[in-house]
C-alpha atoms as a PDB file:
ATOM      1  CA  MET A   1     123.777  96.478 112.663  1.00  0.00           C
ATOM      2  CA  ILE A   2     122.009  95.455 116.016  1.00  0.00           C
ATOM      3  CA  GLY A   3     121.842  98.779 117.264  1.00  0.00           C
ATOM      4  CA  ASP A   4     120.192  99.501 113.490  1.00  0.00           C
ATOM      5  CA  ARG A   5     117.497  97.436 113.726  1.00  0.00           C
ATOM      6  CA  LEU A   6     116.687  97.831 117.613  1.00  0.00           C
ATOM      7  CA  THR A   7     117.024 102.182 116.653  1.00  0.00           C
ATOM      8  CA  GLY A   8     114.171 100.974 113.899  1.00  0.00           C
ATOM      9  CA  THR A   9     112.198  99.288 115.497  1.00  0.00           C
ATOM     10  CA  ALA A  10     111.868 102.021 118.219  1.00  0.00           C
ATOM     11  CA  LEU A  11     111.744 104.554 115.140  1.00  0.00           C
ATOM     12  CA  HIS A  12     108.489 102.362 114.012  1.00  0.00           C
ATOM     13  CA  PHE A  13     106.528 102.455 117.499  1.00  0.00           C
ATOM     14  CA  LEU A  14     107.215 106.255 117.831  1.00  0.00           C
ATOM     15  CA  GLY A  15     105.737 107.163 114.621  1.00  0.00           C
ATOM     16  CA  ASP A  16     108.615 107.535 112.806  1.00  0.00           C
ATOM     17  CA  GLN A  17     108.602 105.608 109.694  1.00  0.00           C
ATOM     18  CA  ARG A  18     110.823 107.232 107.331  1.00  0.00           C
ATOM     19  CA  GLY A  19     113.116 106.999 110.010  1.00  0.00           C
ATOM     20  CA  ALA A  20     112.683 103.528 110.879  1.00  0.00           C
ATOM     21  CA  ARG A  21     113.007 102.287 107.054  1.00  0.00           C
ATOM     22  CA  LEU A  22     115.964 103.971 106.422  1.00  0.00           C
ATOM     23  CA  HIS A  23     117.801 101.989 109.314  1.00  0.00           C
ATOM     24  CA  LEU A  24     115.827  98.779 108.781  1.00  0.00           C
ATOM     25  CA  GLU A  25     117.053  98.570 105.346  1.00  0.00           C
ATOM     26  CA  ARG A  26     120.930  99.530 106.325  1.00  0.00           C
ATOM     27  CA  MET A  27     121.016  96.712 108.451  1.00  0.00           C
ATOM     28  CA  LEU A  28     119.491  94.772 106.057  1.00  0.00           C
ATOM     29  CA  ALA A  29     121.392  95.844 103.128  1.00  0.00           C
ATOM     30  CA  SER A  30     124.955  95.335 105.199  1.00  0.00           C
ATOM     31  CA  TYR A  31     123.475  91.734 107.187  1.00  0.00           C
ATOM     32  CA  VAL A  32     125.959  88.884 106.974  1.00  0.00           C
ATOM     33  CA  ALA A  33     124.870  85.565 107.978  1.00  0.00           C
ATOM     34  CA  PRO A  34     127.759  84.401 111.087  1.00  0.00           C
ATOM     35  CA  VAL A  35     129.785  81.215 109.583  1.00  0.00           C
ATOM     36  CA  GLN A  36     129.923  79.685 113.122  1.00  0.00           C
ATOM     37  CA  ARG A  37     127.352  81.164 115.200  1.00  0.00           C
ATOM     38  CA  SER A  38     123.890  81.712 114.370  1.00  0.00           C
ATOM     39  CA  HIS A  39     122.598  85.111 115.834  1.00  0.00           C
ATOM     40  CA  ALA A  40     119.336  83.341 116.992  1.00  0.00           C
ATOM     41  CA  ALA A  41     121.731  81.405 119.511  1.00  0.00           C
ATOM     42  CA  ARG A  42     123.575  84.917 120.477  1.00  0.00           C
ATOM     43  CA  PHE A  43     120.156  87.376 120.234  1.00  0.00           C
ATOM     44  CA  GLN A  44     117.207  84.587 120.446  1.00  0.00           C
ATOM     45  CA  PHE A  45     115.620  85.765 117.504  1.00  0.00           C
ATOM     46  CA  HIS A  46     117.291  85.365 113.920  1.00  0.00           C
ATOM     47  CA  GLN A  47     118.351  88.893 112.497  1.00  0.00           C
ATOM     48  CA  ARG A  48     117.321  89.585 109.091  1.00  0.00           C
ATOM     49  CA  VAL A  49     113.641  88.021 110.253  1.00  0.00           C
ATOM     50  CA  SER A  50     113.325  90.414 112.695  1.00  0.00           C
ATOM     51  CA  ALA A  51     113.972  93.362 110.963  1.00  0.00           C
ATOM     52  CA  ARG A  52     111.758  92.390 107.589  1.00  0.00           C
ATOM     53  CA  MET A  53     109.361  91.701 109.790  1.00  0.00           C
ATOM     54  CA  THR A  54     109.417  95.176 111.495  1.00  0.00           C
ATOM     55  CA  LEU A  55     109.776  96.907 107.397  1.00  0.00           C
ATOM     56  CA  ALA A  56     106.745  94.544 106.258  1.00  0.00           C
ATOM     57  CA  ARG A  57     104.534  97.086 108.714  1.00  0.00           C
ATOM     58  CA  VAL A  58     106.580 100.172 107.733  1.00  0.00           C
ATOM     59  CA  LEU A  59     105.897  99.625 104.232  1.00  0.00           C
ATOM     60  CA  TRP A  60     102.436  99.253 104.686  1.00  0.00           C
ATOM     61  CA  LEU A  61     101.781 102.083 106.643  1.00  0.00           C
ATOM     62  CA  GLN A  62     103.894 104.042 104.166  1.00  0.00           C
ATOM     63  CA  GLY A  63     101.815 102.869 101.224  1.00  0.00           C
ATOM     64  CA  PHE A  64     103.063  99.967  99.790  1.00  0.00           C
ATOM     65  CA  PRO A  65     100.705  97.313 101.150  1.00  0.00           C
ATOM     66  CA  ASP A  66     101.945  94.783  97.841  1.00  0.00           C
ATOM     67  CA  GLN A  67     105.423  95.139  98.576  1.00  0.00           C
ATOM     68  CA  ALA A  68     104.170  94.978 102.506  1.00  0.00           C
ATOM     69  CA  LEU A  69     102.732  91.237 102.474  1.00  0.00           C
ATOM     70  CA  SER A  70     105.335  90.474  99.908  1.00  0.00           C
ATOM     71  CA  CYS A  71     107.612  91.022 102.945  1.00  0.00           C
ATOM     72  CA  ALA A  72     106.253  89.209 105.288  1.00  0.00           C
ATOM     73  CA  LYS A  73     105.362  86.326 103.128  1.00  0.00           C
ATOM     74  CA  ALA A  74     109.669  85.859 102.284  1.00  0.00           C
ATOM     75  CA  ASN A  75     110.196  86.811 105.998  1.00  0.00           C
ATOM     76  CA  ILE A  76     108.149  83.906 106.990  1.00  0.00           C
ATOM     77  CA  ASP A  77     109.715  81.203 104.150  1.00  0.00           C
ATOM     78  CA  ASP A  78     112.939  82.405 105.401  1.00  0.00           C
ATOM     79  CA  ALA A  79     112.061  81.525 108.953  1.00  0.00           C
ATOM     80  CA  VAL A  80     110.418  78.105 107.837  1.00  0.00           C
ATOM     81  CA  ALA A  81     113.635  77.425 105.645  1.00  0.00           C
ATOM     82  CA  ILE A  82     116.291  77.668 109.225  1.00  0.00           C
ATOM     83  CA  ASP A  83     113.542  75.767 111.328  1.00  0.00           C
ATOM     84  CA  HIS A  84     113.182  78.221 114.527  1.00  0.00           C
ATOM     85  CA  ALA A  85     110.744  78.552 115.940  1.00  0.00           C
ATOM     86  CA  LEU A  86     111.153  81.533 118.210  1.00  0.00           C
ATOM     87  CA  SER A  87     111.603  83.209 114.939  1.00  0.00           C
ATOM     88  CA  LEU A  88     108.875  81.788 112.849  1.00  0.00           C
ATOM     89  CA  CYS A  89     106.187  82.697 115.586  1.00  0.00           C
ATOM     90  CA  ASN A  90     107.524  86.352 116.126  1.00  0.00           C
ATOM     91  CA  ALA A  91     107.656  86.841 112.398  1.00  0.00           C
ATOM     92  CA  LEU A  92     103.450  85.476 112.304  1.00  0.00           C
ATOM     93  CA  ALA A  93     102.734  87.559 115.356  1.00  0.00           C
ATOM     94  CA  ASN A  94     104.115  90.678 114.327  1.00  0.00           C
ATOM     95  CA  ALA A  95     104.080  91.102 110.909  1.00  0.00           C
ATOM     96  CA  ALA A  96     102.723  88.397 108.335  1.00  0.00           C
ATOM     97  CA  CYS A  97      99.768  87.606 110.354  1.00  0.00           C
ATOM     98  CA  PRO A  98      98.232  91.610 111.192  1.00  0.00           C
ATOM     99  CA  VAL A  99      99.730  92.674 107.316  1.00  0.00           C
ATOM    100  CA  ALA A 100      97.726  90.418 106.257  1.00  0.00           C
ATOM    101  CA  LEU A 101      94.772  91.721 108.136  1.00  0.00           C
ATOM    102  CA  LEU A 102      95.776  94.910 107.057  1.00  0.00           C
ATOM    103  CA  VAL A 103      96.103  94.542 103.416  1.00  0.00           C
ATOM    104  CA  GLY A 104      92.823  92.909 103.572  1.00  0.00           C
ATOM    105  CA  ASP A 105      93.807  89.329 102.176  1.00  0.00           C
ATOM    106  CA  LEU A 106      91.871  86.778 104.595  1.00  0.00           C
ATOM    107  CA  ALA A 107      92.821  83.902 102.760  1.00  0.00           C
ATOM    108  CA  ALA A 108      96.749  84.442 103.459  1.00  0.00           C
ATOM    109  CA  ALA A 109      95.244  86.156 107.245  1.00  0.00           C
ATOM    110  CA  GLU A 110      94.042  83.449 107.957  1.00  0.00           C
ATOM    111  CA  HIS A 111      96.748  80.657 106.439  1.00  0.00           C
ATOM    112  CA  TYR A 112      98.769  82.310 109.184  1.00  0.00           C
ATOM    113  CA  THR A 113      96.899  82.527 111.998  1.00  0.00           C
ATOM    114  CA  LYS A 114      96.231  78.719 111.797  1.00  0.00           C
ATOM    115  CA  LEU A 115     100.086  78.295 111.567  1.00  0.00           C
ATOM    116  CA  LEU A 116     100.589  80.377 114.497  1.00  0.00           C
ATOM    117  CA  LEU A 117      98.079  78.836 116.432  1.00  0.00           C
ATOM    118  CA  LEU A 118      99.327  75.520 115.828  1.00  0.00           C
ATOM    119  CA  ARG A 119     102.948  76.070 116.814  1.00  0.00           C
ATOM    120  CA  THR A 120     102.032  78.269 119.448  1.00  0.00           C
ATOM    121  CA  GLU A 121      99.787  75.567 120.770  1.00  0.00           C
ATOM    122  CA  ARG A 122     102.974  72.833 120.603  1.00  0.00           C
ATOM    123  CA  ASP A 123     105.258  75.248 121.895  1.00  0.00           C
ATOM    124  CA  ALA A 124     103.072  76.690 124.762  1.00  0.00           C
ATOM    125  CA  PHE A 125     104.033  80.150 124.009  1.00  0.00           C
ATOM    126  CA  ASP A 126     100.875  81.880 125.457  1.00  0.00           C
ATOM    127  CA  ILE A 127     101.350  85.209 124.328  1.00  0.00           C
ATOM    128  CA  TRP A 128     101.755  84.881 120.596  1.00  0.00           C
ATOM    129  CA  ARG A 129      98.867  82.397 121.027  1.00  0.00           C
ATOM    130  CA  ALA A 130      97.090  84.829 122.430  1.00  0.00           C
ATOM    131  CA  PHE A 131      97.973  87.377 119.255  1.00  0.00           C
ATOM    132  CA  GLY A 132      96.742  84.218 117.443  1.00  0.00           C
ATOM    133  CA  ASN A 133      93.500  84.416 118.945  1.00  0.00           C
ATOM    134  CA  CYS A 134      93.110  88.318 118.338  1.00  0.00           C
ATOM    135  CA  PHE A 135      94.015  87.500 114.781  1.00  0.00           C
ATOM    136  CA  GLU A 136      91.430  84.839 114.296  1.00  0.00           C
ATOM    137  CA  GLY A 137      88.437  86.696 115.993  1.00  0.00           C
ATOM    138  CA  ASP A 138      89.266  89.573 114.022  1.00  0.00           C
ATOM    139  CA  LEU A 139      88.729  86.958 110.940  1.00  0.00           C
ATOM    140  CA  HIS A 140      85.099  85.916 112.253  1.00  0.00           C
ATOM    141  CA  VAL A 141      84.319  89.694 112.771  1.00  0.00           C
ATOM    142  CA  ARG A 142      84.965  90.124 109.219  1.00  0.00           C
ATOM    143  CA  ARG A 143      83.505  87.667 107.962  1.00  0.00           C
ATOM    144  CA  GLY A 144      80.129  88.426 109.474  1.00  0.00           C
ATOM    145  CA  SER A 145      80.204  85.611 112.535  1.00  0.00           C
ATOM    146  CA  LEU A 146      80.514  89.346 115.253  1.00  0.00           C
ATOM    147  CA  ALA A 147      79.415  87.300 118.366  1.00  0.00           C
ATOM    148  CA  ALA A 148      82.629  84.780 118.117  1.00  0.00           C
ATOM    149  CA  GLY A 149      85.112  86.711 116.747  1.00  0.00           C
ATOM    150  CA  LEU A 150      84.230  89.589 119.418  1.00  0.00           C
ATOM    151  CA  GLN A 151      84.464  86.450 122.079  1.00  0.00           C
ATOM    152  CA  GLN A 152      87.593  85.110 121.159  1.00  0.00           C
ATOM    153  CA  SER A 153      89.386  88.842 120.632  1.00  0.00           C
ATOM    154  CA  LYS A 154      87.745  89.682 123.855  1.00  0.00           C
ATOM    155  CA  SER A 155      89.610  85.848 125.626  1.00  0.00           C
ATOM    156  CA  GLY A 156      93.276  87.001 123.951  1.00  0.00           C
ATOM    157  CA  ILE A 157      93.119  90.831 125.130  1.00  0.00           C
ATOM    158  CA  ASP A 158      92.380  89.662 128.562  1.00  0.00           C
ATOM    159  CA  VAL A 159      95.624  87.410 128.231  1.00  0.00           C
ATOM    160  CA  LEU A 160      97.609  89.995 127.555  1.00  0.00           C
ATOM    161  CA  ARG A 161      95.963  92.486 129.992  1.00  0.00           C
ATOM    162  CA  ARG A 162      96.736  89.901 133.129  1.00  0.00           C
ATOM    163  CA  ALA A 163     100.010  89.525 131.570  1.00  0.00           C
ATOM    164  CA  ARG A 164     100.978  93.189 131.230  1.00  0.00           C
ATOM    165  CA  PHE A 165     102.310  93.049 127.531  1.00  0.00           C
ATOM    166  CA  SER A 166     101.464  96.046 126.282  1.00  0.00           C
ATOM    167  CA  GLN A 167     102.904  95.591 122.934  1.00  0.00           C
ATOM    168  CA  TYR A 168     100.479  95.984 120.146  1.00  0.00           C
ATOM    169  CA  LEU A 169      97.476  95.433 122.751  1.00  0.00           C
ATOM    170  CA  THR A 170      96.014  99.194 121.969  1.00  0.00           C
ATOM    171  CA  SER A 171      95.646  98.028 118.112  1.00  0.00           C
ATOM    172  CA  PHE A 172      93.974  94.945 119.215  1.00  0.00           C
ATOM    173  CA  LEU A 173      91.843  96.999 121.395  1.00  0.00           C
ATOM    174  CA  GLY A 174      90.968  99.338 118.106  1.00  0.00           C
ATOM    175  CA  ARG A 175      89.625  96.400 116.084  1.00  0.00           C
ATOM    176  CA  LEU A 176      87.763  95.136 119.147  1.00  0.00           C
ATOM    177  CA  ALA A 177      85.990  98.549 118.906  1.00  0.00           C
ATOM    178  CA  GLU A 178      84.972  98.411 115.605  1.00  0.00           C
ATOM    179  CA  GLY A 179      83.817  94.885 116.211  1.00  0.00           C
ATOM    180  CA  GLN A 180      81.428  96.011 118.834  1.00  0.00           C
ATOM    181  CA  ALA A 181      80.541  98.909 116.795  1.00  0.00           C
ATOM    182  CA  ALA A 182      79.704  97.012 113.866  1.00  0.00           C
ATOM    183  CA  ALA A 183      77.501  94.824 116.433  1.00  0.00           C
ATOM    184  CA  GLY A 184      75.480  97.823 117.259  1.00  0.00           C
ATOM    185  CA  ASP A 185      77.208  98.010 120.796  1.00  0.00           C
ATOM    186  CA  ALA A 186      78.051 101.860 120.619  1.00  0.00           C
ATOM    187  CA  MET A 187      78.357 102.028 124.467  1.00  0.00           C
ATOM    188  CA  GLN A 188      80.570  99.332 125.086  1.00  0.00           C
ATOM    189  CA  ALA A 189      82.659 100.218 121.941  1.00  0.00           C
ATOM    190  CA  ALA A 190      82.948 104.019 123.037  1.00  0.00           C
ATOM    191  CA  ALA A 191      84.687 102.258 126.680  1.00  0.00           C
ATOM    192  CA  THR A 192      86.788  99.884 124.570  1.00  0.00           C
ATOM    193  CA  ILE A 193      88.390 102.743 122.330  1.00  0.00           C
ATOM    194  CA  ASP A 194      88.530 104.915 125.144  1.00  0.00           C
ATOM    195  CA  GLU A 195      90.579 102.700 127.234  1.00  0.00           C
ATOM    196  CA  ALA A 196      93.001 102.240 123.755  1.00  0.00           C
ATOM    197  CA  ILE A 197      93.433 106.054 123.729  1.00  0.00           C
ATOM    198  CA  ARG A 198      94.394 106.122 126.911  1.00  0.00           C
ATOM    199  CA  ARG A 199      97.070 102.895 126.669  1.00  0.00           C
ATOM    200  CA  ASN A 200      98.082 104.464 124.207  1.00  0.00           C
ATOM    201  CA  GLU A 201      98.874 107.593 125.923  1.00  0.00           C
ATOM    202  CA  ASP A 202     101.243 106.151 128.291  1.00  0.00           C
ATOM    203  CA  SER A 203     102.966 103.677 126.221  1.00  0.00           C
ATOM    204  CA  GLU A 204     103.850 106.328 123.731  1.00  0.00           C
ATOM    205  CA  GLU A 205     102.883 102.966 120.712  1.00  0.00           C
ATOM    206  CA  ARG A 206     102.383 105.977 118.299  1.00  0.00           C
ATOM    207  CA  TRP A 207     102.481 104.288 115.100  1.00  0.00           C
ATOM    208  CA  CYS A 208      98.679 103.395 115.509  1.00  0.00           C
ATOM    209  CA  THR A 209      97.356 106.830 117.054  1.00  0.00           C
ATOM    210  CA  PRO A 210      96.109 107.899 113.967  1.00  0.00           C
ATOM    211  CA  GLU A 211      94.001 104.440 113.704  1.00  0.00           C
ATOM    212  CA  LEU A 212      92.848 105.019 117.007  1.00  0.00           C
ATOM    213  CA  LEU A 213      91.538 108.369 116.466  1.00  0.00           C
ATOM    214  CA  ARG A 214      89.661 107.519 113.389  1.00  0.00           C
ATOM    215  CA  ILE A 215      87.876 104.653 115.110  1.00  0.00           C
ATOM    216  CA  LYS A 216      86.933 106.981 118.400  1.00  0.00           C
ATOM    217  CA  GLY A 217      85.333 109.340 115.413  1.00  0.00           C
ATOM    218  CA  ALA A 218      83.602 106.219 113.832  1.00  0.00           C
ATOM    219  CA  VAL A 219      82.388 105.323 117.016  1.00  0.00           C
ATOM    220  CA  VAL A 220      81.169 108.525 117.814  1.00  0.00           C
ATOM    221  CA  LEU A 221      79.212 108.771 114.917  1.00  0.00           C
ATOM    222  CA  GLN A 222      77.242 105.528 115.625  1.00  0.00           C
ATOM    223  CA  THR A 223      75.801 107.333 118.978  1.00  0.00           C
ATOM    224  CA  GLU A 224      74.180 109.615 116.759  1.00  0.00           C
ATOM    225  CA  THR A 225      73.427 112.172 119.952  1.00  0.00           C
ATOM    226  CA  ASP A 226      73.165 115.932 119.378  1.00  0.00           C
ATOM    227  CA  GLY A 227      76.837 117.354 118.160  1.00  0.00           C
ATOM    228  CA  ALA A 228      77.941 113.962 117.216  1.00  0.00           C
ATOM    229  CA  ALA A 229      79.194 114.749 113.534  1.00  0.00           C
ATOM    230  CA  ALA A 230      80.810 117.743 114.896  1.00  0.00           C
ATOM    231  CA  LEU A 231      82.909 115.489 117.473  1.00  0.00           C
ATOM    232  CA  ALA A 232      83.727 113.012 114.774  1.00  0.00           C
ATOM    233  CA  ALA A 233      84.690 115.095 112.305  1.00  0.00           C
ATOM    234  CA  GLU A 234      87.264 116.634 114.942  1.00  0.00           C
ATOM    235  CA  ASP A 235      89.066 113.059 115.997  1.00  0.00           C
ATOM    236  CA  PHE A 236      89.069 112.432 111.794  1.00  0.00           C
ATOM    237  CA  LEU A 237      90.899 115.705 111.130  1.00  0.00           C
ATOM    238  CA  GLU A 238      93.756 114.958 114.543  1.00  0.00           C
ATOM    239  CA  SER A 239      94.207 111.445 112.807  1.00  0.00           C
ATOM    240  CA  ILE A 240      94.861 112.953 109.536  1.00  0.00           C
ATOM    241  CA  ARG A 241      97.316 115.868 110.679  1.00  0.00           C
ATOM    242  CA  LEU A 242      99.114 113.293 112.928  1.00  0.00           C
ATOM    243  CA  ALA A 243      99.074 110.563 110.031  1.00  0.00           C
ATOM    244  CA  ARG A 244     100.581 113.031 107.741  1.00  0.00           C
ATOM    245  CA  SER A 245     103.478 113.755 110.355  1.00  0.00           C
ATOM    246  CA  GLN A 246     104.114 110.309 110.806  1.00  0.00           C
ATOM    247  CA  GLU A 247     104.272 109.744 107.049  1.00  0.00           C
ATOM    248  CA  ALA A 248     101.583 107.158 107.184  1.00  0.00           C
ATOM    249  CA  VAL A 249      99.975 107.446 103.994  1.00  0.00           C
ATOM    250  CA  ALA A 250      97.859 104.155 105.008  1.00  0.00           C
ATOM    251  CA  TRP A 251      95.926 105.197 107.651  1.00  0.00           C
ATOM    252  CA  GLU A 252      95.502 108.905 106.379  1.00  0.00           C
ATOM    253  CA  LEU A 253      93.599 107.312 103.037  1.00  0.00           C
ATOM    254  CA  ARG A 254      91.645 105.253 106.190  1.00  0.00           C
ATOM    255  CA  THR A 255      90.575 108.485 107.662  1.00  0.00           C
ATOM    256  CA  ALA A 256      90.022 110.535 105.072  1.00  0.00           C
ATOM    257  CA  THR A 257      87.505 108.101 103.735  1.00  0.00           C
ATOM    258  CA  SER A 258      85.773 108.001 106.897  1.00  0.00           C
ATOM    259  CA  LEU A 259      85.785 111.991 107.199  1.00  0.00           C
ATOM    260  CA  GLY A 260      84.622 111.822 103.270  1.00  0.00           C
ATOM    261  CA  ARG A 261      81.620 109.672 104.068  1.00  0.00           C
ATOM    262  CA  LEU A 262      80.831 112.294 106.360  1.00  0.00           C
ATOM    263  CA  TRP A 263      81.039 115.243 104.213  1.00  0.00           C
ATOM    264  CA  PHE A 264      78.800 113.101 101.511  1.00  0.00           C
ATOM    265  CA  ASP A 265      76.071 112.508 103.627  1.00  0.00           C
ATOM    266  CA  GLN A 266      76.878 116.819 104.809  1.00  0.00           C
ATOM    267  CA  GLY A 267      76.463 117.630 101.242  1.00  0.00           C
ATOM    268  CA  ARG A 268      80.086 119.270 100.899  1.00  0.00           C
ATOM    269  CA  ILE A 269      80.834 116.778  97.745  1.00  0.00           C
ATOM    270  CA  GLY A 270      83.603 118.917  96.463  1.00  0.00           C
ATOM    271  CA  GLN A 271      85.261 118.880 100.191  1.00  0.00           C
ATOM    272  CA  ALA A 272      85.128 115.239 100.029  1.00  0.00           C
ATOM    273  CA  TYR A 273      86.195 114.212  96.239  1.00  0.00           C
ATOM    274  CA  GLU A 274      89.083 116.687  96.613  1.00  0.00           C
ATOM    275  CA  LEU A 275      90.321 115.316 100.369  1.00  0.00           C
ATOM    276  CA  ILE A 276      90.211 111.290  99.416  1.00  0.00           C
ATOM    277  CA  SER A 277      91.695 112.128  95.313  1.00  0.00           C
ATOM    278  CA  ALA A 278      94.579 113.773  97.283  1.00  0.00           C
ATOM    279  CA  VAL A 279      95.553 110.516  98.900  1.00  0.00           C
ATOM    280  CA  TYR A 280      94.358 107.915  96.943  1.00  0.00           C
ATOM    281  CA  SER A 281      96.858 109.534  93.954  1.00  0.00           C
ATOM    282  CA  ARG A 282     100.129 109.113  95.790  1.00  0.00           C
ATOM    283  CA  PHE A 283      99.292 105.447  96.085  1.00  0.00           C
ATOM    284  CA  ARG A 284     101.102 103.164  93.030  1.00  0.00           C
ATOM    285  CA  GLU A 285     100.195  99.942  93.874  1.00  0.00           C
ATOM    286  CA  GLY A 286      97.618  97.818  96.454  1.00  0.00           C
ATOM    287  CA  TYR A 287      94.543  98.849  94.285  1.00  0.00           C
ATOM    288  CA  LYS A 288      92.861  95.601  94.889  1.00  0.00           C
ATOM    289  CA  THR A 289      93.421  96.032  98.765  1.00  0.00           C
ATOM    290  CA  ASP A 290      90.247  96.826 100.778  1.00  0.00           C
ATOM    291  CA  ASP A 291      91.581 100.418 102.227  1.00  0.00           C
ATOM    292  CA  LEU A 292      92.310 101.638  98.343  1.00  0.00           C
ATOM    293  CA  ARG A 293      89.111  99.725  96.881  1.00  0.00           C
ATOM    294  CA  ALA A 294      86.821 101.485  99.326  1.00  0.00           C
ATOM    295  CA  ALA A 295      88.364 105.113  98.121  1.00  0.00           C
ATOM    296  CA  ASN A 296      88.021 104.176  94.913  1.00  0.00           C
ATOM    297  CA  SER A 297      84.726 103.024  95.311  1.00  0.00           C
ATOM    298  CA  LEU A 298      83.600 106.599  97.027  1.00  0.00           C
ATOM    299  CA  LEU A 299      85.365 108.767  94.459  1.00  0.00           C
ATOM    300  CA  SER A 300      82.939 106.957  91.986  1.00  0.00           C
ATOM    301  CA  GLU A 301      80.151 108.051  94.172  1.00  0.00           C
ATOM    302  CA  LEU A 302      81.211 111.109  94.871  1.00  0.00           C
ATOM    303  CA  SER A 303      81.794 112.063  91.268  1.00  0.00           C
ATOM    304  CA  ARG A 304      78.370 111.435  90.286  1.00  0.00           C
ATOM    305  CA  HIS A 305      77.022 113.740  92.371  1.00  0.00           C
ATOM    306  CA  ARG A 306      79.737 116.673  91.407  1.00  0.00           C
END
């Protein structure tokens, strides 16, 4: 059982979401709580909570945002019920907060982030508190408070750098680069996303590589230098290729929308529509999430110009 969970977690990080889900769901289907001794005592974390934590992220990547958020919520409820601080903070930092942000449910993200910051302040869990600062900084950026959000995100990232804690650091750097680009600092955004991609190559944390390439393409576009559009398109196309190889339809939709906007601006209306609609049609839920609403809005605009 423990082997299935660990294998599923490793495959998730390596970008094999189908394999990860197979192992995680098999572990959860066979899980039986011990009668005499808690798994949390033996393995530091509650094993069912740990498995669901990774499964929630896998579900989002595979294009099931509603199920992902529901899984993360149920997991937090379980962690609260067993009253185990380590398992609760782990589930908040590694699933509930990031999944809510990925889905675009800012109210849920704020609730989970406040809970994470409260628990980590009380119990002095420095790494998870750094995660909480990154999440809260991201929330500020999304709500328009760019300066405060970027500063808080940088503070959290600096803690992770000093601690040499690489897990999820690349994805935090990606979000920081997006925020810096939104603030108009294309040069700093370029340096940040380059660092993220270098670290990503070293750590082999491939689950987020397609998103880092999408962000890199978006940052390149913002520089407005000669050849920027061509370079950005290369990054977008590589992002889509990797997302497809990982069956990470969520990343594929994001990048298809970014590339579709670029092609729209270049007058390639038909190609843009076909690209986005092919990915959008594979979703069966999550139509109110940020990514699907953005894709659908662009599809509507493209339709008017066809």
